[in-house]
Protein backbone atom coordinates (compact mmCIF):
# COMPACT_ATOMS: atom_id res chain seq x y z
CA MET A 1 -6.94 -32.32 -63.62
CA VAL A 2 -5.12 -35.36 -65.00
CA SER A 3 -1.58 -35.22 -66.37
CA VAL A 4 -0.34 -37.55 -69.12
CA ILE A 5 3.46 -37.76 -69.31
CA VAL A 6 5.26 -38.95 -72.44
CA PRO A 7 9.07 -39.23 -72.27
CA ALA A 8 10.61 -38.98 -75.72
CA TYR A 9 14.12 -39.50 -77.04
CA ASN A 10 14.68 -39.31 -80.80
CA ALA A 11 11.04 -40.30 -81.25
CA GLU A 12 10.26 -38.48 -84.48
CA LYS A 13 8.96 -41.65 -86.16
CA THR A 14 6.32 -42.46 -83.56
CA LEU A 15 5.57 -39.38 -81.44
CA ALA A 16 2.97 -37.89 -83.78
CA GLY A 17 0.91 -41.08 -83.65
CA CYS A 18 1.04 -41.04 -79.86
CA LEU A 19 -0.01 -37.39 -79.60
CA ASP A 20 -2.73 -37.81 -82.23
CA SER A 21 -4.20 -40.57 -80.05
CA LEU A 22 -4.01 -38.41 -76.94
CA THR A 23 -5.88 -35.57 -78.67
CA ARG A 24 -8.77 -37.96 -79.46
CA GLN A 25 -9.52 -39.02 -75.89
CA ASP A 26 -13.17 -39.21 -74.89
CA TYR A 27 -12.42 -38.06 -71.34
CA ARG A 28 -14.65 -35.09 -70.50
CA GLY A 29 -12.59 -33.71 -67.65
CA ARG A 30 -9.49 -31.53 -67.87
CA TYR A 31 -6.22 -33.17 -68.80
CA GLU A 32 -2.79 -32.04 -69.91
CA VAL A 33 -0.16 -33.82 -71.96
CA ILE A 34 3.48 -33.27 -71.02
CA VAL A 35 6.14 -34.35 -73.51
CA VAL A 36 9.57 -34.54 -71.91
CA ASP A 37 12.22 -34.29 -74.62
CA ASP A 38 15.18 -36.19 -73.18
CA GLY A 39 17.90 -34.43 -75.18
CA SER A 40 16.74 -35.61 -78.61
CA THR A 41 18.89 -34.81 -81.64
CA ASP A 42 16.09 -35.25 -84.19
CA SER A 43 12.82 -33.39 -84.71
CA THR A 44 11.12 -34.73 -81.56
CA ALA A 45 10.86 -31.30 -79.90
CA ARG A 46 9.52 -29.66 -83.06
CA ILE A 47 6.83 -32.32 -83.46
CA ALA A 48 5.73 -31.95 -79.84
CA ALA A 49 5.64 -28.16 -80.14
CA GLY A 50 3.20 -28.50 -83.04
CA TYR A 51 0.47 -29.92 -80.78
CA SER A 52 -1.53 -27.40 -78.79
CA VAL A 53 -2.54 -30.11 -76.34
CA ALA A 54 1.11 -30.84 -75.49
CA LYS A 55 3.30 -29.00 -73.01
CA LEU A 56 6.95 -29.43 -73.99
CA VAL A 57 9.56 -29.87 -71.28
CA ARG A 58 13.19 -30.28 -72.31
CA GLN A 59 16.26 -31.63 -70.58
CA GLU A 60 19.72 -32.84 -71.47
CA ASN A 61 19.80 -36.56 -72.13
CA ALA A 62 19.53 -38.27 -68.75
CA GLY A 63 17.47 -41.37 -69.48
CA PRO A 64 13.78 -42.28 -69.29
CA SER A 65 13.59 -42.45 -65.49
CA SER A 66 14.82 -38.89 -65.18
CA ALA A 67 12.51 -37.74 -67.99
CA ARG A 68 9.45 -39.28 -66.35
CA ASN A 69 10.37 -37.80 -62.98
CA LYS A 70 10.79 -34.39 -64.55
CA GLY A 71 7.38 -34.68 -66.18
CA ALA A 72 5.82 -35.65 -62.84
CA ALA A 73 7.41 -32.63 -61.16
CA ALA A 74 5.87 -30.37 -63.82
CA ALA A 75 2.45 -32.04 -63.70
CA GLU A 76 -0.59 -30.18 -62.38
CA GLY A 77 -2.80 -33.24 -62.04
CA GLU A 78 -3.46 -35.19 -58.87
CA ILE A 79 -3.31 -38.34 -61.02
CA ILE A 80 -0.37 -38.78 -63.38
CA LEU A 81 -0.51 -41.20 -66.30
CA PHE A 82 2.47 -42.46 -68.26
CA THR A 83 2.67 -43.84 -71.75
CA ASP A 84 5.54 -44.17 -74.19
CA SER A 85 6.23 -42.23 -77.37
CA ASP A 86 5.77 -45.39 -79.48
CA CYS A 87 2.34 -46.14 -78.01
CA MET A 88 -1.10 -45.11 -79.29
CA PRO A 89 -3.73 -45.11 -76.53
CA GLU A 90 -7.31 -46.02 -77.34
CA PRO A 91 -9.85 -43.13 -77.14
CA ASP A 92 -11.13 -44.33 -73.75
CA TRP A 93 -7.63 -44.88 -72.30
CA ILE A 94 -7.65 -41.96 -69.88
CA SER A 95 -11.18 -42.79 -68.73
CA GLU A 96 -10.27 -46.44 -68.16
CA MET A 97 -7.02 -45.58 -66.37
CA LEU A 98 -8.92 -43.31 -64.00
CA ARG A 99 -11.79 -45.69 -63.31
CA PRO A 100 -10.05 -47.81 -60.61
CA PHE A 101 -8.93 -44.65 -58.80
CA ASN A 102 -12.51 -43.40 -58.75
CA GLU A 103 -13.97 -46.74 -57.66
CA ASN A 104 -11.55 -47.39 -54.80
CA PRO A 105 -9.74 -44.55 -52.99
CA GLU A 106 -7.17 -47.04 -51.65
CA ILE A 107 -5.77 -47.62 -55.16
CA VAL A 108 -2.52 -45.73 -55.79
CA GLY A 109 -1.45 -47.36 -59.08
CA VAL A 110 -3.10 -48.71 -62.23
CA LYS A 111 -1.65 -50.79 -65.06
CA GLY A 112 -3.18 -50.98 -68.53
CA ALA A 113 -2.67 -53.44 -71.39
CA TYR A 114 -0.83 -53.73 -74.71
CA LYS A 115 -2.35 -54.61 -78.06
CA THR A 116 -0.89 -54.58 -81.56
CA ARG A 117 -2.15 -54.57 -85.12
CA GLN A 118 0.96 -56.25 -86.49
CA LYS A 119 0.83 -59.42 -88.55
CA GLU A 120 4.45 -60.58 -88.35
CA LEU A 121 4.91 -63.92 -86.63
CA ALA A 122 7.30 -62.59 -83.97
CA ALA A 123 4.93 -59.75 -83.09
CA ARG A 124 2.00 -62.16 -82.86
CA PHE A 125 4.00 -64.32 -80.46
CA VAL A 126 4.90 -61.27 -78.34
CA GLN A 127 1.24 -60.28 -78.10
CA ILE A 128 0.18 -63.77 -77.05
CA GLU A 129 2.98 -63.78 -74.48
CA TYR A 130 1.70 -60.50 -73.01
CA GLU A 131 -1.87 -61.73 -72.90
CA ASP A 132 -0.76 -64.94 -71.20
CA LYS A 133 0.83 -62.82 -68.48
CA TYR A 134 -2.31 -60.71 -68.25
CA ALA A 135 -4.32 -63.85 -67.55
CA TYR A 136 -1.81 -64.70 -64.83
CA MET A 137 -2.15 -61.22 -63.33
CA MET A 138 -5.94 -61.44 -63.31
CA ARG A 139 -5.70 -64.12 -60.64
CA ASN A 140 -4.60 -61.43 -58.20
CA LYS A 141 -6.86 -58.77 -56.76
CA TYR A 142 -3.86 -56.45 -56.39
CA ILE A 143 -0.61 -56.43 -58.35
CA ASP A 144 3.02 -55.45 -57.85
CA PHE A 145 3.99 -54.77 -61.47
CA ILE A 146 3.09 -51.64 -63.48
CA ASP A 147 4.76 -51.08 -66.85
CA THR A 148 5.37 -47.51 -68.02
CA TYR A 149 3.64 -47.96 -71.38
CA SER A 150 0.29 -47.71 -69.60
CA ALA A 151 0.77 -46.62 -66.01
CA GLY A 152 -1.12 -44.41 -63.60
CA PHE A 153 -0.27 -43.21 -60.09
CA LYS A 154 -1.50 -40.82 -57.47
CA LYS A 155 0.98 -37.99 -57.87
CA ALA A 156 1.44 -37.49 -54.12
CA VAL A 157 2.46 -41.13 -53.65
CA PHE A 158 4.70 -41.09 -56.74
CA LEU A 159 6.58 -38.06 -55.39
CA GLU A 160 6.72 -39.55 -51.90
CA MET A 161 8.48 -42.59 -53.41
CA GLU A 162 10.84 -40.22 -55.30
CA GLY A 163 9.62 -41.59 -58.61
CA TYR A 164 11.61 -43.89 -60.86
CA ASP A 165 15.12 -44.89 -59.85
CA THR A 166 17.58 -43.04 -62.12
CA GLU A 167 20.19 -45.75 -61.51
CA PHE A 168 18.46 -47.53 -64.41
CA PRO A 169 19.95 -45.83 -67.50
CA VAL A 170 17.58 -47.37 -70.06
CA ALA A 171 13.84 -47.95 -70.35
CA CYS A 172 14.01 -51.32 -68.69
CA ALA A 173 13.08 -52.54 -65.19
CA GLU A 174 12.88 -49.06 -63.67
CA ASP A 175 9.10 -49.46 -63.72
CA ILE A 176 9.39 -52.89 -62.10
CA GLU A 177 11.61 -51.51 -59.35
CA LEU A 178 9.14 -48.71 -58.50
CA SER A 179 6.27 -51.22 -58.48
CA TYR A 180 8.16 -53.48 -56.10
CA ARG A 181 8.88 -50.55 -53.75
CA LEU A 182 5.23 -49.53 -53.74
CA SER A 183 4.18 -53.09 -53.01
CA ARG A 184 6.70 -53.37 -50.20
CA ARG A 185 5.17 -50.29 -48.60
CA GLY A 186 1.75 -51.93 -48.71
CA TYR A 187 0.27 -49.70 -51.41
CA ARG A 188 -2.48 -51.20 -53.52
CA MET A 189 -2.23 -51.37 -57.29
CA ILE A 190 -4.58 -52.90 -59.83
CA PHE A 191 -4.58 -54.19 -63.39
CA ASN A 192 -7.25 -52.86 -65.75
CA PRO A 193 -7.11 -54.78 -69.08
CA ALA A 194 -9.62 -52.33 -70.61
CA ALA A 195 -7.07 -49.48 -70.51
CA ILE A 196 -5.48 -50.28 -73.88
CA VAL A 197 -2.58 -48.82 -75.80
CA TYR A 198 -1.45 -50.09 -79.20
CA HIS A 199 2.24 -50.76 -79.66
CA ILE A 200 4.75 -51.85 -82.28
CA HIS A 201 6.28 -55.06 -80.95
CA PRO A 202 9.57 -56.50 -82.23
CA ASP A 203 8.78 -57.99 -85.64
CA ARG A 204 11.86 -60.20 -85.87
CA LEU A 205 13.07 -62.94 -83.59
CA THR A 206 16.49 -61.30 -83.14
CA GLY A 207 14.92 -58.05 -81.95
CA TYR A 208 12.64 -59.92 -79.58
CA LEU A 209 15.48 -61.93 -78.06
CA LYS A 210 17.64 -58.82 -77.57
CA LYS A 211 14.75 -57.26 -75.69
CA LYS A 212 14.31 -60.33 -73.50
CA TYR A 213 18.03 -60.35 -72.72
CA LYS A 214 17.92 -56.67 -71.73
CA PHE A 215 14.84 -57.10 -69.55
CA ALA A 216 16.39 -60.04 -67.69
CA TYR A 217 19.68 -58.16 -67.28
CA TRP A 218 18.15 -55.09 -65.61
CA ARG A 219 15.61 -57.17 -63.67
CA MET A 220 18.57 -58.38 -61.61
CA LEU A 221 19.21 -54.83 -60.40
CA ALA A 222 15.52 -54.40 -59.54
CA LEU A 223 15.61 -57.65 -57.56
CA ARG A 224 18.81 -56.69 -55.79
CA LYS A 225 17.03 -53.59 -54.54
CA ASN A 226 13.90 -55.60 -53.70
CA PRO A 227 15.08 -59.14 -52.82
CA GLY A 228 11.71 -60.07 -51.39
CA LYS A 229 10.34 -60.26 -54.93
CA SER A 230 12.91 -62.80 -56.13
CA LEU A 231 10.67 -65.81 -55.60
CA LYS A 232 7.32 -64.49 -56.82
CA ASP A 233 5.56 -61.48 -58.26
CA SER A 234 2.17 -60.94 -59.87
CA HIS A 235 3.51 -60.75 -63.43
CA THR A 236 6.00 -63.57 -63.92
CA PRO A 237 4.64 -67.15 -64.17
CA GLN A 238 6.68 -69.58 -62.12
CA MET A 239 6.96 -71.90 -65.13
CA MET A 240 8.89 -69.20 -66.99
CA LYS A 241 11.49 -69.18 -64.23
CA LEU A 242 11.79 -72.97 -64.37
CA GLN A 243 12.32 -72.84 -68.13
CA LEU A 244 15.43 -70.68 -67.66
CA LEU A 245 17.29 -73.71 -66.36
CA PHE A 246 16.82 -75.82 -69.49
CA PRO A 247 18.90 -74.06 -72.19
CA PRO A 248 22.24 -74.45 -70.35
CA LEU A 249 21.34 -78.01 -69.36
CA ILE A 250 20.19 -79.05 -72.84
CA ILE A 251 23.08 -77.35 -74.64
CA GLY A 252 25.52 -78.72 -72.07
CA SER A 253 24.23 -82.28 -72.51
CA ALA A 254 24.22 -82.01 -76.31
CA ILE A 255 28.00 -81.66 -76.48
CA PRO A 256 28.92 -85.02 -74.89
CA ALA A 257 25.97 -86.62 -76.70
CA LEU A 258 27.48 -85.54 -80.03
CA LEU A 259 31.08 -86.34 -79.15
CA SER A 260 30.53 -89.69 -77.44
CA ASP A 261 28.98 -92.93 -78.60
CA LYS A 262 27.66 -93.67 -75.10
CA HIS A 263 23.89 -93.92 -75.13
CA LEU A 264 23.71 -92.50 -71.61
CA TYR A 265 24.59 -89.01 -72.83
CA LEU A 266 22.09 -89.18 -75.67
CA SER A 267 19.39 -90.45 -73.30
CA GLY A 268 20.07 -87.55 -70.93
CA PHE A 269 19.83 -85.05 -73.75
CA ILE A 270 16.53 -86.50 -74.99
CA LEU A 271 15.11 -86.58 -71.47
CA LEU A 272 15.92 -82.89 -70.93
CA VAL A 273 14.32 -81.96 -74.26
CA LEU A 274 11.18 -83.88 -73.35
CA LEU A 275 11.02 -82.27 -69.91
CA PHE A 276 11.33 -78.83 -71.44
CA GLY A 277 8.58 -79.72 -73.89
CA ILE A 278 6.35 -80.63 -70.96
CA THR A 279 6.92 -77.19 -69.40
CA THR A 280 5.75 -75.56 -72.64
CA ALA A 281 2.70 -77.78 -73.18
CA SER A 282 0.12 -75.60 -71.45
CA PHE A 283 1.22 -72.41 -73.24
CA THR A 284 1.41 -74.26 -76.56
CA VAL A 285 -2.11 -75.66 -76.27
CA ARG A 286 -3.55 -72.24 -75.40
CA THR A 287 -1.67 -70.66 -78.30
CA LEU A 288 -2.73 -73.30 -80.83
CA LYS A 289 -6.35 -72.37 -80.17
CA ARG A 290 -5.66 -68.72 -80.98
CA ASP A 291 -2.92 -68.82 -83.62
CA PHE A 292 -2.11 -72.26 -85.01
CA THR A 293 1.19 -71.29 -86.65
CA VAL A 294 2.53 -69.52 -83.58
CA GLY A 295 1.33 -72.44 -81.47
CA LEU A 296 3.31 -74.95 -83.54
CA LEU A 297 6.45 -72.88 -83.13
CA SER A 298 5.89 -72.07 -79.47
CA PRO A 299 8.21 -74.72 -77.95
CA ALA A 300 11.13 -73.50 -80.08
CA LEU A 301 10.31 -69.85 -79.44
CA LEU A 302 10.04 -70.46 -75.70
CA PHE A 303 13.40 -72.22 -75.73
CA CYS A 304 15.00 -69.25 -77.47
CA ARG A 305 13.32 -66.92 -74.98
CA ALA A 306 14.62 -68.93 -72.04
CA ALA A 307 18.15 -68.93 -73.48
CA ALA A 308 18.09 -65.14 -73.92
CA GLN A 309 16.70 -64.63 -70.44
CA PHE A 310 19.22 -66.98 -68.85
CA SER A 311 22.04 -65.07 -70.55
CA GLY A 312 20.56 -61.79 -69.34
CA VAL A 313 20.20 -63.05 -65.77
CA LEU A 314 23.78 -64.34 -65.73
CA SER A 315 25.17 -61.09 -67.18
CA GLY A 316 23.04 -59.04 -64.79
CA ILE A 317 24.37 -60.96 -61.78
CA ILE A 318 27.94 -60.40 -63.00
CA TYR A 319 27.21 -56.66 -63.44
CA ILE A 320 25.81 -56.39 -59.90
CA SER A 321 28.71 -58.32 -58.39
CA LYS A 322 31.21 -55.98 -60.07
CA ARG A 323 29.33 -52.95 -58.76
CA LYS A 324 29.62 -54.31 -55.25
């Protein structure tokens, strides 16, 4: 038996698509789908109840970590799979998620991959960004980063680790924190890019940057709990961390360059811009080969991303320091 857990909060616009996809799985074994309604105020529960394949579990609103943990507690399967209510797994998703577990009994966690059918420029950039990170992850035999949109765990290990940390109130970085804990314990996890779910990425730059800010903000809490992962993990390219330093430096140097007629300030500003451009060159070249328009805009988009992430990191550090 395999259990698929879908946390849902006010998900009436996307839940049916997710459950339709889960009813069309080609997996020949037994599996159950558990929808955990996290105190929704819309028709989420009614939609879930309309699917015979779905077992509906309800709770008062307590956040996605709590909802996923509740689903795991109710699961009958020895393997538990997670996806999100705005995701549509491919027909072979369950089969592909299970394959690493079957091939290697030492594996306790599996991560799948995102795809999208969107045509908006921002969404295309997001997809390329994900796939760039996937290529980075493929360099590692084992990983320390499993996102909840396509995640699988041995139930016994998940419960041993007490699941997702409910100190994270939103769907952000709680999956990272659990992955880091598992890695710290020496458990082996693997990335399977063939386990695909389709997703609706942010289709506007503002939505994308808000998401990047939020991720960086809550990542600080995950790193505070797992400081050993501050320098390196299997998901975050080191160049991305370096790029975080440039927005405050470039913006800070632009002010005296504009207000003063001294060429030194202008030279410093230009030098910083050129250095940042160098850090984006590799990503830009790879992107130009796949999507010329997105590639041309990549340096500017990466600068905006770095600015949002820097702001999130700074705010996250302030939040943690106040909690102390």
